[in-house]
C-alpha atoms as a PDB file:
ATOM      1  CA  MET A   1     -29.274  29.654   3.011  1.00  0.00           C
ATOM      2  CA  SER A   2     -28.852  26.713   5.341  1.00  0.00           C
ATOM      3  CA  GLN A   3     -31.774  25.745   7.556  1.00  0.00           C
ATOM      4  CA  PRO A   4     -31.400  24.482  11.141  1.00  0.00           C
ATOM      5  CA  SER A   5     -32.018  20.805  11.871  1.00  0.00           C
ATOM      6  CA  GLN A   6     -33.427  19.246  15.009  1.00  0.00           C
ATOM      7  CA  LEU A   7     -30.753  16.555  14.799  1.00  0.00           C
ATOM      8  CA  SER A   8     -27.041  17.287  14.546  1.00  0.00           C
ATOM      9  CA  PHE A   9     -24.921  15.237  12.164  1.00  0.00           C
ATOM     10  CA  SER A  10     -21.327  14.656  11.095  1.00  0.00           C
ATOM     11  CA  LEU A  11     -20.118  13.922   7.564  1.00  0.00           C
ATOM     12  CA  ILE A  12     -17.132  11.548   7.289  1.00  0.00           C
ATOM     13  CA  LEU A  13     -15.168  11.439   4.045  1.00  0.00           C
ATOM     14  CA  PRO A  14     -12.341   8.895   3.675  1.00  0.00           C
ATOM     15  CA  THR A  15     -10.242   9.705   0.607  1.00  0.00           C
ATOM     16  CA  CYS A  16      -7.049   8.704  -1.159  1.00  0.00           C
ATOM     17  CA  ASN A  17      -5.271  10.684  -3.911  1.00  0.00           C
ATOM     18  CA  ARG A  18      -8.436  12.269  -5.313  1.00  0.00           C
ATOM     19  CA  ALA A  19      -8.094  15.912  -4.311  1.00  0.00           C
ATOM     20  CA  GLU A  20     -10.145  17.362  -7.180  1.00  0.00           C
ATOM     21  CA  LEU A  21     -13.036  15.054  -6.358  1.00  0.00           C
ATOM     22  CA  VAL A  22     -12.855  16.123  -2.722  1.00  0.00           C
ATOM     23  CA  LYS A  23     -13.064  19.737  -3.860  1.00  0.00           C
ATOM     24  CA  GLN A  24     -16.258  19.024  -5.806  1.00  0.00           C
ATOM     25  CA  PHE A  25     -17.714  17.118  -2.864  1.00  0.00           C
ATOM     26  CA  LEU A  26     -17.003  19.982  -0.453  1.00  0.00           C
ATOM     27  CA  GLU A  27     -18.556  22.487  -2.834  1.00  0.00           C
ATOM     28  CA  SER A  28     -21.739  20.403  -2.809  1.00  0.00           C
ATOM     29  CA  VAL A  29     -21.686  20.345   1.008  1.00  0.00           C
ATOM     30  CA  SER A  30     -21.526  24.153   0.982  1.00  0.00           C
ATOM     31  CA  LYS A  31     -24.781  24.216  -1.012  1.00  0.00           C
ATOM     32  CA  GLN A  32     -26.734  21.936   1.340  1.00  0.00           C
ATOM     33  CA  ILE A  33     -30.097  23.224   2.552  1.00  0.00           C
ATOM     34  CA  VAL A  34     -29.259  21.695   5.935  1.00  0.00           C
ATOM     35  CA  HIS A  35     -25.604  21.872   6.960  1.00  0.00           C
ATOM     36  CA  PRO A  36     -23.746  19.329   9.102  1.00  0.00           C
ATOM     37  CA  LEU A  37     -22.309  20.242  12.464  1.00  0.00           C
ATOM     38  CA  GLU A  38     -18.919  19.034  11.237  1.00  0.00           C
ATOM     39  CA  VAL A  39     -17.100  17.570   8.255  1.00  0.00           C
ATOM     40  CA  ILE A  40     -14.319  15.066   8.922  1.00  0.00           C
ATOM     41  CA  VAL A  41     -11.847  14.268   6.143  1.00  0.00           C
ATOM     42  CA  VAL A  42      -9.710  11.171   6.675  1.00  0.00           C
ATOM     43  CA  ASP A  43      -6.906  11.516   4.161  1.00  0.00           C
ATOM     44  CA  GLN A  44      -4.767   8.587   2.968  1.00  0.00           C
ATOM     45  CA  SER A  45      -3.147  10.481   0.098  1.00  0.00           C
ATOM     46  CA  ASP A  46       0.499  10.607  -0.936  1.00  0.00           C
ATOM     47  CA  SER A  47       0.529  14.405  -1.327  1.00  0.00           C
ATOM     48  CA  PRO A  48      -0.788  17.406   0.649  1.00  0.00           C
ATOM     49  CA  ALA A  49      -3.214  18.433  -2.124  1.00  0.00           C
ATOM     50  CA  THR A  50      -6.323  17.209  -0.322  1.00  0.00           C
ATOM     51  CA  LYS A  51      -5.319  18.893   2.934  1.00  0.00           C
ATOM     52  CA  ASP A  52      -4.699  22.175   1.118  1.00  0.00           C
ATOM     53  CA  ILE A  53      -8.158  22.053  -0.446  1.00  0.00           C
ATOM     54  CA  PHE A  54      -9.813  21.214   2.871  1.00  0.00           C
ATOM     55  CA  ASP A  55      -7.904  23.970   4.692  1.00  0.00           C
ATOM     56  CA  ALA A  56      -9.168  26.498   2.160  1.00  0.00           C
ATOM     57  CA  TRP A  57     -12.797  25.345   2.447  1.00  0.00           C
ATOM     58  CA  ASN A  58     -14.883  27.102   5.060  1.00  0.00           C
ATOM     59  CA  VAL A  59     -18.619  27.281   5.728  1.00  0.00           C
ATOM     60  CA  PRO A  60     -19.967  29.379   8.623  1.00  0.00           C
ATOM     61  CA  GLY A  61     -21.154  27.181  11.469  1.00  0.00           C
ATOM     62  CA  VAL A  62     -19.548  23.990  10.136  1.00  0.00           C
ATOM     63  CA  SER A  63     -16.571  22.618  12.065  1.00  0.00           C
ATOM     64  CA  LYS A  64     -13.715  20.887  10.244  1.00  0.00           C
ATOM     65  CA  LYS A  65     -11.525  17.997  11.325  1.00  0.00           C
ATOM     66  CA  TYR A  66      -8.626  16.738   9.243  1.00  0.00           C
ATOM     67  CA  ILE A  67      -7.108  13.324   9.990  1.00  0.00           C
ATOM     68  CA  TYR A  68      -4.146  11.862   8.154  1.00  0.00           C
ATOM     69  CA  ASN A  69      -4.059   8.060   7.910  1.00  0.00           C
ATOM     70  CA  GLN A  70      -0.793   6.790   6.467  1.00  0.00           C
ATOM     71  CA  VAL A  71      -2.040   3.234   5.915  1.00  0.00           C
ATOM     72  CA  LYS A  72      -4.402   2.912   2.943  1.00  0.00           C
ATOM     73  CA  PHE A  73      -7.168   0.976   4.661  1.00  0.00           C
ATOM     74  CA  LEU A  74     -10.768   2.084   4.151  1.00  0.00           C
ATOM     75  CA  ILE A  75     -12.239   0.507   7.291  1.00  0.00           C
ATOM     76  CA  LEU A  76      -9.580   2.019   9.539  1.00  0.00           C
ATOM     77  CA  ALA A  77     -10.222   5.384   7.888  1.00  0.00           C
ATOM     78  CA  ARG A  78     -13.960   5.060   8.588  1.00  0.00           C
ATOM     79  CA  HIS A  79     -13.262   4.188  12.217  1.00  0.00           C
ATOM     80  CA  ARG A  80     -10.804   7.030  12.710  1.00  0.00           C
ATOM     81  CA  GLY A  81     -13.448   9.425  11.458  1.00  0.00           C
ATOM     82  CA  LEU A  82     -16.111   7.822  13.634  1.00  0.00           C
ATOM     83  CA  ASP A  83     -13.925   7.999  16.728  1.00  0.00           C
ATOM     84  CA  ALA A  84     -13.262  11.695  16.055  1.00  0.00           C
ATOM     85  CA  CYS A  85     -16.960  12.591  15.848  1.00  0.00           C
ATOM     86  CA  ALA A  86     -18.486  15.085  18.187  1.00  0.00           C
ATOM     87  CA  SER A  87     -21.548  13.941  20.157  1.00  0.00           C
ATOM     88  CA  THR A  88     -23.821  14.313  17.154  1.00  0.00           C
ATOM     89  CA  ASP A  89     -27.095  12.457  16.716  1.00  0.00           C
ATOM     90  CA  LEU A  90     -26.255  11.111  13.260  1.00  0.00           C
ATOM     91  CA  VAL A  91     -23.154  10.310  11.250  1.00  0.00           C
ATOM     92  CA  ALA A  92     -22.883   9.974   7.469  1.00  0.00           C
ATOM     93  CA  PHE A  93     -20.249   8.083   5.479  1.00  0.00           C
ATOM     94  CA  LEU A  94     -19.786   9.423   1.943  1.00  0.00           C
ATOM     95  CA  ASP A  95     -17.600   8.318  -0.954  1.00  0.00           C
ATOM     96  CA  ASP A  96     -15.201  10.927  -2.296  1.00  0.00           C
ATOM     97  CA  ASP A  97     -16.495  10.524  -5.857  1.00  0.00           C
ATOM     98  CA  VAL A  98     -20.041  11.738  -5.129  1.00  0.00           C
ATOM     99  CA  VAL A  99     -21.571  15.193  -5.410  1.00  0.00           C
ATOM    100  CA  LEU A 100     -24.606  15.875  -3.237  1.00  0.00           C
ATOM    101  CA  ASP A 101     -27.841  17.424  -4.410  1.00  0.00           C
ATOM    102  CA  PRO A 102     -28.632  20.491  -2.220  1.00  0.00           C
ATOM    103  CA  ALA A 103     -31.470  18.604  -0.515  1.00  0.00           C
ATOM    104  CA  PHE A 104     -29.459  15.414   0.081  1.00  0.00           C
ATOM    105  CA  CYS A 105     -28.894  15.863   3.815  1.00  0.00           C
ATOM    106  CA  LYS A 106     -32.244  17.532   4.444  1.00  0.00           C
ATOM    107  CA  GLU A 107     -34.320  14.692   2.998  1.00  0.00           C
ATOM    108  CA  ILE A 108     -32.516  11.958   4.934  1.00  0.00           C
ATOM    109  CA  VAL A 109     -32.325  13.850   8.219  1.00  0.00           C
ATOM    110  CA  GLN A 110     -36.058  14.587   8.067  1.00  0.00           C
ATOM    111  CA  VAL A 111     -36.794  10.853   8.100  1.00  0.00           C
ATOM    112  CA  PHE A 112     -34.865  10.498  11.356  1.00  0.00           C
ATOM    113  CA  GLU A 113     -36.562  13.603  12.789  1.00  0.00           C
ATOM    114  CA  LYS A 114     -40.017  12.153  12.104  1.00  0.00           C
ATOM    115  CA  ASP A 115     -38.975   8.782  13.522  1.00  0.00           C
ATOM    116  CA  VAL A 116     -39.750   9.734  17.120  1.00  0.00           C
ATOM    117  CA  GLU A 117     -39.786   6.078  18.222  1.00  0.00           C
ATOM    118  CA  GLY A 118     -36.254   5.541  16.927  1.00  0.00           C
ATOM    119  CA  ARG A 119     -37.190   2.618  14.665  1.00  0.00           C
ATOM    120  CA  PHE A 120     -34.642   3.465  11.979  1.00  0.00           C
ATOM    121  CA  ALA A 121     -30.948   2.895  12.663  1.00  0.00           C
ATOM    122  CA  GLY A 122     -29.775   4.009   9.229  1.00  0.00           C
ATOM    123  CA  GLY A 123     -30.773   5.150   5.794  1.00  0.00           C
ATOM    124  CA  MET A 124     -29.397   5.966   2.379  1.00  0.00           C
ATOM    125  CA  GLY A 125     -30.148   8.154  -0.594  1.00  0.00           C
ATOM    126  CA  ALA A 126     -30.292   7.396  -4.305  1.00  0.00           C
ATOM    127  CA  VAL A 127     -27.392   7.449  -6.740  1.00  0.00           C
ATOM    128  CA  ASP A 128     -28.449   9.427  -9.814  1.00  0.00           C
ATOM    129  CA  GLY A 129     -28.333   7.472 -13.055  1.00  0.00           C
ATOM    130  CA  TRP A 130     -28.825   4.069 -11.445  1.00  0.00           C
ATOM    131  CA  ASP A 131     -31.837   2.907 -13.450  1.00  0.00           C
ATOM    132  CA  SER A 132     -33.850  -0.026 -12.228  1.00  0.00           C
ATOM    133  CA  HIS A 133     -34.483  -2.774 -14.757  1.00  0.00           C
ATOM    134  CA  SER A 134     -35.072  -6.491 -14.701  1.00  0.00           C
ATOM    135  CA  LYS A 135     -31.990  -8.721 -14.555  1.00  0.00           C
ATOM    136  CA  PRO A 136     -33.346 -12.277 -14.646  1.00  0.00           C
ATOM    137  CA  PHE A 137     -29.897 -13.828 -15.178  1.00  0.00           C
ATOM    138  CA  GLN A 138     -28.522 -12.230 -12.004  1.00  0.00           C
ATOM    139  CA  ALA A 139     -31.668 -13.105 -10.065  1.00  0.00           C
ATOM    140  CA  PHE A 140     -31.510 -16.748 -11.185  1.00  0.00           C
ATOM    141  CA  PHE A 141     -27.902 -17.091 -10.002  1.00  0.00           C
ATOM    142  CA  LEU A 142     -28.560 -15.218  -6.726  1.00  0.00           C
ATOM    143  CA  MET A 143     -26.168 -12.439  -7.798  1.00  0.00           C
ATOM    144  CA  PRO A 144     -26.477  -8.777  -6.719  1.00  0.00           C
ATOM    145  CA  HIS A 145     -29.221  -7.036  -8.706  1.00  0.00           C
ATOM    146  CA  GLU A 146     -31.928  -4.401  -8.481  1.00  0.00           C
ATOM    147  CA  GLY A 147     -34.726  -5.493  -6.212  1.00  0.00           C
ATOM    148  CA  SER A 148     -36.345  -5.109  -2.819  1.00  0.00           C
ATOM    149  CA  GLY A 149     -33.158  -4.262  -0.949  1.00  0.00           C
ATOM    150  CA  ASN A 150     -33.202  -7.590   0.898  1.00  0.00           C
ATOM    151  CA  PHE A 151     -30.382 -10.123   1.104  1.00  0.00           C
ATOM    152  CA  LEU A 152     -30.347 -13.316  -0.958  1.00  0.00           C
ATOM    153  CA  LYS A 153     -29.549 -16.830   0.281  1.00  0.00           C
ATOM    154  CA  SER A 154     -26.107 -16.469  -1.297  1.00  0.00           C
ATOM    155  CA  GLY A 155     -25.273 -13.520   0.962  1.00  0.00           C
ATOM    156  CA  ALA A 156     -25.452 -11.116  -1.976  1.00  0.00           C
ATOM    157  CA  GLN A 157     -27.477  -7.934  -1.703  1.00  0.00           C
ATOM    158  CA  THR A 158     -30.213  -6.440  -3.835  1.00  0.00           C
ATOM    159  CA  PHE A 159     -30.349  -2.713  -4.642  1.00  0.00           C
ATOM    160  CA  THR A 160     -33.188  -0.216  -4.265  1.00  0.00           C
ATOM    161  CA  HIS A 161     -31.511   2.711  -6.077  1.00  0.00           C
ATOM    162  CA  GLY A 162     -33.871   2.651  -9.042  1.00  0.00           C
ATOM    163  CA  ARG A 163     -37.034   2.794  -6.944  1.00  0.00           C
ATOM    164  CA  LYS A 164     -39.067   6.005  -6.868  1.00  0.00           C
ATOM    165  CA  GLU A 165     -40.769   5.584  -3.491  1.00  0.00           C
ATOM    166  CA  PHE A 166     -39.569   5.583   0.104  1.00  0.00           C
ATOM    167  CA  CYS A 167     -39.180   2.056   1.445  1.00  0.00           C
ATOM    168  CA  GLU A 168     -37.609  -0.069   4.115  1.00  0.00           C
ATOM    169  CA  THR A 169     -34.556  -2.064   3.067  1.00  0.00           C
ATOM    170  CA  GLU A 170     -31.971  -4.456   4.487  1.00  0.00           C
ATOM    171  CA  PHE A 171     -29.012  -3.170   2.476  1.00  0.00           C
ATOM    172  CA  LEU A 172     -27.458   0.310   2.495  1.00  0.00           C
ATOM    173  CA  SER A 173     -24.798   1.202  -0.098  1.00  0.00           C
ATOM    174  CA  GLY A 174     -21.744   2.379   1.796  1.00  0.00           C
ATOM    175  CA  GLY A 175     -21.040   5.632  -0.048  1.00  0.00           C
ATOM    176  CA  CYS A 176     -24.255   7.532   0.713  1.00  0.00           C
ATOM    177  CA  THR A 177     -25.439   6.435   4.146  1.00  0.00           C
ATOM    178  CA  PHE A 178     -26.580   8.047   7.391  1.00  0.00           C
ATOM    179  CA  TRP A 179     -26.578   6.203  10.727  1.00  0.00           C
ATOM    180  CA  ARG A 180     -27.599   6.921  14.284  1.00  0.00           C
ATOM    181  CA  ARG A 181     -24.184   7.579  15.782  1.00  0.00           C
ATOM    182  CA  LYS A 182     -24.582   5.467  18.907  1.00  0.00           C
ATOM    183  CA  ILE A 183     -25.717   2.439  16.893  1.00  0.00           C
ATOM    184  CA  ILE A 184     -22.929   2.541  14.310  1.00  0.00           C
ATOM    185  CA  GLN A 185     -20.396   3.039  17.096  1.00  0.00           C
ATOM    186  CA  GLN A 186     -21.751  -0.079  18.759  1.00  0.00           C
ATOM    187  CA  TYR A 187     -21.620  -2.302  15.652  1.00  0.00           C
ATOM    188  CA  ARG A 188     -18.671  -0.787  13.747  1.00  0.00           C
ATOM    189  CA  PHE A 189     -17.236  -2.072  10.466  1.00  0.00           C
ATOM    190  CA  ASP A 190     -15.269  -5.292  10.131  1.00  0.00           C
ATOM    191  CA  GLU A 191     -11.545  -4.484  10.227  1.00  0.00           C
ATOM    192  CA  ARG A 192     -10.687  -7.857   8.726  1.00  0.00           C
ATOM    193  CA  LEU A 193     -11.740  -6.466   5.317  1.00  0.00           C
ATOM    194  CA  SER A 194      -8.418  -5.011   4.236  1.00  0.00           C
ATOM    195  CA  GLY A 195      -7.515  -2.414   1.614  1.00  0.00           C
ATOM    196  CA  TYR A 196     -10.560  -1.106  -0.211  1.00  0.00           C
ATOM    197  CA  GLY A 197     -12.834  -3.005   2.148  1.00  0.00           C
ATOM    198  CA  TYR A 198     -15.182  -4.436  -0.484  1.00  0.00           C
ATOM    199  CA  GLY A 199     -18.238  -5.872   1.236  1.00  0.00           C
ATOM    200  CA  ASP A 200     -18.065  -3.615   4.294  1.00  0.00           C
ATOM    201  CA  ASP A 201     -21.499  -2.196   3.512  1.00  0.00           C
ATOM    202  CA  VAL A 202     -22.900  -5.705   2.960  1.00  0.00           C
ATOM    203  CA  ASP A 203     -21.656  -6.842   6.362  1.00  0.00           C
ATOM    204  CA  ILE A 204     -22.672  -3.803   8.413  1.00  0.00           C
ATOM    205  CA  SER A 205     -26.101  -3.660   6.757  1.00  0.00           C
ATOM    206  CA  PHE A 206     -26.778  -7.328   7.365  1.00  0.00           C
ATOM    207  CA  ARG A 207     -25.757  -7.249  11.026  1.00  0.00           C
ATOM    208  CA  ILE A 208     -27.668  -4.091  11.889  1.00  0.00           C
ATOM    209  CA  SER A 209     -30.764  -5.018   9.872  1.00  0.00           C
ATOM    210  CA  ARG A 210     -31.212  -8.157  11.990  1.00  0.00           C
ATOM    211  CA  ARG A 211     -32.208  -5.956  14.945  1.00  0.00           C
ATOM    212  CA  HIS A 212     -33.062  -2.542  13.502  1.00  0.00           C
ATOM    213  CA  LYS A 213     -34.924  -0.977  10.577  1.00  0.00           C
ATOM    214  CA  LEU A 214     -33.132   0.651   7.617  1.00  0.00           C
ATOM    215  CA  PHE A 215     -34.606   2.846   4.890  1.00  0.00           C
ATOM    216  CA  PHE A 216     -34.133   4.132   1.351  1.00  0.00           C
ATOM    217  CA  GLN A 217     -35.063   7.769   0.639  1.00  0.00           C
ATOM    218  CA  PRO A 218     -35.201   8.459  -3.137  1.00  0.00           C
ATOM    219  CA  LYS A 219     -35.654  12.201  -2.559  1.00  0.00           C
ATOM    220  CA  SER A 220     -32.105  12.294  -1.216  1.00  0.00           C
ATOM    221  CA  VAL A 221     -29.956  12.238  -4.353  1.00  0.00           C
ATOM    222  CA  CYS A 222     -26.218  12.163  -4.994  1.00  0.00           C
ATOM    223  CA  PHE A 223     -24.353  12.084  -8.296  1.00  0.00           C
ATOM    224  CA  GLN A 224     -21.413   9.733  -8.807  1.00  0.00           C
ATOM    225  CA  GLN A 225     -18.547  11.121 -10.849  1.00  0.00           C
ATOM    226  CA  PRO A 226     -17.816   8.984 -13.942  1.00  0.00           C
ATOM    227  CA  ASN A 227     -14.433   7.469 -14.802  1.00  0.00           C
ATOM    228  CA  CYS A 228     -12.828   8.320 -11.497  1.00  0.00           C
ATOM    229  CA  PRO A 229      -9.262   7.231 -10.748  1.00  0.00           C
ATOM    230  CA  GLY A 230      -9.208   4.407  -8.237  1.00  0.00           C
ATOM    231  CA  MET A 231      -9.237   0.659  -8.027  1.00  0.00           C
ATOM    232  CA  ASP A 232      -9.437  -1.224 -11.316  1.00  0.00           C
ATOM    233  CA  LYS A 233     -12.832  -2.875 -11.791  1.00  0.00           C
ATOM    234  CA  GLY A 234     -11.466  -5.881 -13.647  1.00  0.00           C
ATOM    235  CA  ARG A 235      -9.322  -8.772 -12.503  1.00  0.00           C
ATOM    236  CA  LEU A 236      -8.367  -7.440  -9.060  1.00  0.00           C
ATOM    237  CA  TYR A 237     -11.907  -6.321  -8.266  1.00  0.00           C
ATOM    238  CA  ARG A 238     -13.387  -9.739  -9.053  1.00  0.00           C
ATOM    239  CA  ARG A 239     -10.758 -11.607  -7.020  1.00  0.00           C
ATOM    240  CA  VAL A 240     -11.289  -9.364  -4.004  1.00  0.00           C
ATOM    241  CA  TRP A 241     -15.085  -9.481  -4.289  1.00  0.00           C
ATOM    242  CA  ILE A 242     -15.236 -13.298  -4.386  1.00  0.00           C
ATOM    243  CA  GLN A 243     -12.870 -13.748  -1.449  1.00  0.00           C
ATOM    244  CA  ASN A 244     -14.474 -11.074   0.736  1.00  0.00           C
ATOM    245  CA  MET A 245     -18.002 -12.268   0.042  1.00  0.00           C
ATOM    246  CA  TYR A 246     -17.000 -15.856   0.823  1.00  0.00           C
ATOM    247  CA  TYR A 247     -15.668 -14.729   4.191  1.00  0.00           C
ATOM    248  CA  LEU A 248     -18.864 -12.764   4.908  1.00  0.00           C
ATOM    249  CA  ALA A 249     -21.030 -15.721   3.851  1.00  0.00           C
ATOM    250  CA  GLN A 250     -19.203 -17.816   6.441  1.00  0.00           C
ATOM    251  CA  LYS A 251     -19.254 -15.132   9.103  1.00  0.00           C
ATOM    252  CA  ASN A 252     -22.953 -14.312   8.748  1.00  0.00           C
ATOM    253  CA  GLN A 253     -23.954 -17.957   8.210  1.00  0.00           C
ATOM    254  CA  PHE A 254     -25.325 -17.825   4.686  1.00  0.00           C
ATOM    255  CA  PHE A 255     -25.879 -21.002   2.656  1.00  0.00           C
ATOM    256  CA  ILE A 256     -22.460 -21.756   1.130  1.00  0.00           C
ATOM    257  CA  PRO A 257     -23.828 -23.798  -1.832  1.00  0.00           C
ATOM    258  CA  ALA A 258     -25.959 -20.746  -2.717  1.00  0.00           C
ATOM    259  CA  PHE A 259     -22.824 -18.591  -2.587  1.00  0.00           C
ATOM    260  CA  ALA A 260     -21.050 -21.054  -4.915  1.00  0.00           C
ATOM    261  CA  TRP A 261     -24.022 -20.802  -7.303  1.00  0.00           C
ATOM    262  CA  CYS A 262     -23.627 -17.007  -7.233  1.00  0.00           C
ATOM    263  CA  VAL A 263     -19.913 -17.264  -8.092  1.00  0.00           C
ATOM    264  CA  LEU A 264     -20.728 -19.607 -10.979  1.00  0.00           C
ATOM    265  CA  GLY A 265     -23.158 -17.003 -12.310  1.00  0.00           C
ATOM    266  CA  HIS A 266     -20.453 -14.329 -12.227  1.00  0.00           C
ATOM    267  CA  PHE A 267     -18.043 -16.579 -14.091  1.00  0.00           C
ATOM    268  CA  ILE A 268     -20.603 -17.452 -16.792  1.00  0.00           C
ATOM    269  CA  ARG A 269     -21.621 -13.816 -17.258  1.00  0.00           C
ATOM    270  CA  ASP A 270     -18.037 -12.560 -17.464  1.00  0.00           C
ATOM    271  CA  PHE A 271     -17.123 -15.328 -19.919  1.00  0.00           C
ATOM    272  CA  LEU A 272     -20.131 -14.675 -22.159  1.00  0.00           C
ATOM    273  CA  CYS A 273     -19.307 -10.945 -22.128  1.00  0.00           C
ATOM    274  CA  LEU A 274     -15.717 -11.805 -23.144  1.00  0.00           C
ATOM    275  CA  ASP A 275     -14.493  -9.872 -20.093  1.00  0.00           C
ATOM    276  CA  PHE A 276     -11.391 -11.999 -19.651  1.00  0.00           C
ATOM    277  CA  PRO A 277      -9.716  -9.868 -16.924  1.00  0.00           C
ATOM    278  CA  ARG A 278     -12.794 -10.481 -14.765  1.00  0.00           C
ATOM    279  CA  VAL A 279     -12.845 -14.159 -15.715  1.00  0.00           C
ATOM    280  CA  ARG A 280      -9.256 -14.410 -14.517  1.00  0.00           C
ATOM    281  CA  GLY A 281     -10.213 -12.658 -11.297  1.00  0.00           C
ATOM    282  CA  ASP A 282     -13.130 -15.073 -10.821  1.00  0.00           C
ATOM    283  CA  LEU A 283     -10.784 -18.026 -11.230  1.00  0.00           C
ATOM    284  CA  GLU A 284      -8.083 -16.594  -8.958  1.00  0.00           C
ATOM    285  CA  GLY A 285     -10.549 -15.816  -6.194  1.00  0.00           C
ATOM    286  CA  THR A 286     -12.126 -19.258  -6.403  1.00  0.00           C
ATOM    287  CA  TRP A 287      -8.740 -20.988  -6.458  1.00  0.00           C
ATOM    288  CA  ASN A 288      -7.627 -19.086  -3.364  1.00  0.00           C
ATOM    289  CA  ILE A 289     -10.805 -20.097  -1.531  1.00  0.00           C
ATOM    290  CA  LEU A 290     -10.275 -23.754  -2.434  1.00  0.00           C
ATOM    291  CA  ARG A 291      -6.748 -23.501  -1.010  1.00  0.00           C
ATOM    292  CA  GLY A 292      -8.012 -21.772   2.139  1.00  0.00           C
ATOM    293  CA  ARG A 293      -5.957 -18.690   1.253  1.00  0.00           C
ATOM    294  CA  VAL A 294      -8.347 -15.734   1.511  1.00  0.00           C
ATOM    295  CA  ASP A 295      -5.573 -13.136   1.379  1.00  0.00           C
ATOM    296  CA  THR A 296      -7.834 -10.067   1.331  1.00  0.00           C
ATOM    297  CA  VAL A 297      -9.128 -10.822   4.843  1.00  0.00           C
ATOM    298  CA  VAL A 298      -6.813  -9.994   7.732  1.00  0.00           C
ATOM    299  CA  GLY A 299      -6.492 -12.927  10.135  1.00  0.00           C
ATOM    300  CA  TYR A 300      -8.573 -15.275   7.991  1.00  0.00           C
ATOM    301  CA  ALA A 301      -6.735 -18.403   9.197  1.00  0.00           C
ATOM    302  CA  GLU A 302      -7.545 -17.513  12.805  1.00  0.00           C
ATOM    303  CA  PHE A 303     -11.157 -16.806  11.863  1.00  0.00           C
ATOM    304  CA  LYS A 304     -11.402 -20.206  10.116  1.00  0.00           C
ATOM    305  CA  ARG A 305     -10.004 -21.987  13.168  1.00  0.00           C
ATOM    306  CA  GLY A 306     -12.659 -20.268  15.269  1.00  0.00           C
ATOM    307  CA  LEU A 307     -15.383 -21.620  12.982  1.00  0.00           C
ATOM    308  CA  LYS A 308     -14.140 -25.168  13.514  1.00  0.00           C
ATOM    309  CA  HIS A 309     -14.328 -24.752  17.315  1.00  0.00           C
ATOM    310  CA  ASP A 310     -17.888 -23.384  17.258  1.00  0.00           C
END
């Protein structure tokens, strides 16, 4: 049976053509010890399957809002959900390929409830199966790796998912995060990051963590579904990642030579692993940057001109 919470919260779920995963996610929401005030599904699918599943899902006391977004654009979907929120205290952004442990919401919301001074602007839970282990190669090249949760000089993030204790962090993974609603509405995500929006969590975490505290709560657990349909993690993923992270390194004033060192590390690792689709993506992303053609960032040319005037 659901327990009442001192703080109200909204769950926002952007999704695209993954109706069965949405069904599993909603079933896990039904089993939460603490229920949200509302669940908002922002659907970018090509069929009505997701809407049909959401229409059939009902939990007493939980409001539902369905939003259809014709353009497949993750950041716009997040913002449409955020703008549709009721006046809740907290808002959570979840990926559609996660299933929540029954205590997921309870454990995170309790941190905010105990934070009477309002120190924490946001927090995240743990992704089950993400084991922490040393990655000296990634650390040497300033690449993303398990660590303290702080940002590196390259602009890359480190992950806390394998840690067993509660801790403060600078980086929150986008698919399992809670935020104070008024703060996330103030900062918002960067709408220049088109399509799948890779790096949106890096950017929002960095900007908010400069002025507010963020936390990792390992007692709040979600389970990521394996082998889900979605964006290919090979060539296209690597090209998008390099271009988006280069833009964010410029925007947030990271050390560009350190970013270049990070890209070199990715290329060497992918080559040594004989992952040639990723190698090709590394090369394509780097070549586009050298030509000033960062085509995954909306309005990049205008942004670059603004840098020159600053």
